[in-house]
Structure formats: structure tokens, C-alpha cells
Amino acid sequence: MQEKLLIIINSIKRNKFEDPISEINPEQKLREDLNFDSFDLAELTVKIEEEFGVDIFEDGLVNSVNEIYAKL
């Protein structure tokens, strides 16, 4: 699961012409640490739903990698 999430995050970062990251940790904040804006979060939601069949924003906002893990 962690490796698939890393691939998804890096695909979004590449679309923004940002360098990929080598690892993710649960404490990372999506906006502050990964530099995601609202469009990136929408793309993240779609990609996670396609990969895992889960809408991570169904019950409200998700702000960190750990919160994504909790939803999955």
C-alpha cells in the first residue's frame, strides 16, 4: 500500500514538474510537506479511488499521509 501511494504522489508531483520524493512517512502533511494544492488533492482522490476503491475525502478533509492510511 505504501509503495502504491508513493507512486501516486510522485505522479502528481511529476505533473507539476516537481522532483519526486524517495519515501513518504505518516506525519507528512499533504499541503505543507508535499506542496499539494486543491487541484492536486482532487487528482489524489481520483487516483486513490481508482487504485484502492476508496474515496478518501468521503467523510471530510484529509490532511496527512497518516489520515490516508487510516481511510485505506
Protein backbone atom coordinates (compact mmCIF):
# COMPACT_ATOMS: atom_id res chain seq x y z
CA MET A 1 0.00 0.00 0.00
CA GLN A 2 2.78 2.45 0.92
CA GLU A 3 4.61 1.82 -2.35
CA LYS A 4 1.44 2.34 -4.40
CA LEU A 5 0.69 5.57 -2.54
CA LEU A 6 4.26 6.78 -3.16
CA ILE A 7 3.82 6.10 -6.89
CA ILE A 8 0.54 8.08 -6.91
CA ILE A 9 2.08 11.01 -5.03
CA ASN A 10 5.10 11.09 -7.33
CA SER A 11 2.92 11.00 -10.45
CA ILE A 12 1.15 14.13 -9.19
CA LYS A 13 4.47 15.81 -8.36
CA ARG A 14 5.79 14.99 -11.85
CA ASN A 15 2.70 16.56 -13.41
CA LYS A 16 3.68 19.75 -11.56
CA PHE A 17 7.30 19.44 -12.75
CA GLU A 18 8.44 18.85 -9.18
CA ASP A 19 11.08 16.35 -8.14
CA PRO A 20 9.73 13.02 -6.93
CA ILE A 21 10.22 12.01 -3.32
CA SER A 22 12.01 8.81 -2.32
CA GLU A 23 9.77 7.92 0.62
CA ILE A 24 6.68 9.01 2.48
CA ASN A 25 6.05 8.97 6.20
CA PRO A 26 2.76 9.14 8.09
CA GLU A 27 3.50 12.55 9.60
CA GLN A 28 3.80 14.31 6.24
CA LYS A 29 1.14 16.95 5.61
CA LEU A 30 -0.31 16.97 2.11
CA ARG A 31 -0.32 20.74 1.68
CA GLU A 32 2.65 21.83 3.76
CA ASP A 33 5.13 18.98 3.24
CA LEU A 34 4.14 17.66 -0.19
CA ASN A 35 3.18 21.06 -1.62
CA PHE A 36 -0.25 19.88 -2.81
CA ASP A 37 -2.92 22.42 -3.70
CA SER A 38 -6.65 21.78 -4.11
CA PHE A 39 -6.23 20.54 -7.68
CA ASP A 40 -3.55 18.09 -6.56
CA LEU A 41 -5.80 16.84 -3.77
CA ALA A 42 -8.61 16.27 -6.29
CA GLU A 43 -6.23 14.30 -8.50
CA LEU A 44 -5.02 12.35 -5.46
CA THR A 45 -8.61 11.45 -4.59
CA VAL A 46 -9.32 10.16 -8.10
CA LYS A 47 -6.11 8.14 -8.31
CA ILE A 48 -6.57 6.57 -4.87
CA GLU A 49 -10.18 5.70 -5.66
CA GLU A 50 -9.08 4.08 -8.95
CA GLU A 51 -6.31 2.10 -7.23
CA PHE A 52 -7.95 1.17 -3.92
CA GLY A 53 -11.68 1.73 -4.48
CA VAL A 54 -11.87 4.17 -1.55
CA ASP A 55 -12.96 7.82 -1.58
CA ILE A 56 -10.58 9.29 1.00
CA PHE A 57 -12.50 12.56 1.19
CA GLU A 58 -15.93 10.96 1.63
CA ASP A 59 -16.09 11.83 5.35
CA GLY A 60 -14.28 15.17 5.19
CA LEU A 61 -10.86 16.58 4.53
CA VAL A 62 -7.70 14.52 4.75
CA ASN A 63 -4.59 16.48 5.71
CA SER A 64 -1.80 13.95 6.19
CA VAL A 65 -0.40 10.71 4.84
CA ASN A 66 -1.42 9.03 8.11
CA GLU A 67 -5.05 10.06 7.55
CA ILE A 68 -4.91 8.47 4.09
CA TYR A 69 -3.61 5.25 5.63
CA ALA A 70 -6.47 5.31 8.14
CA LYS A 71 -9.03 5.58 5.31
CA LEU A 72 -7.44 2.74 3.35
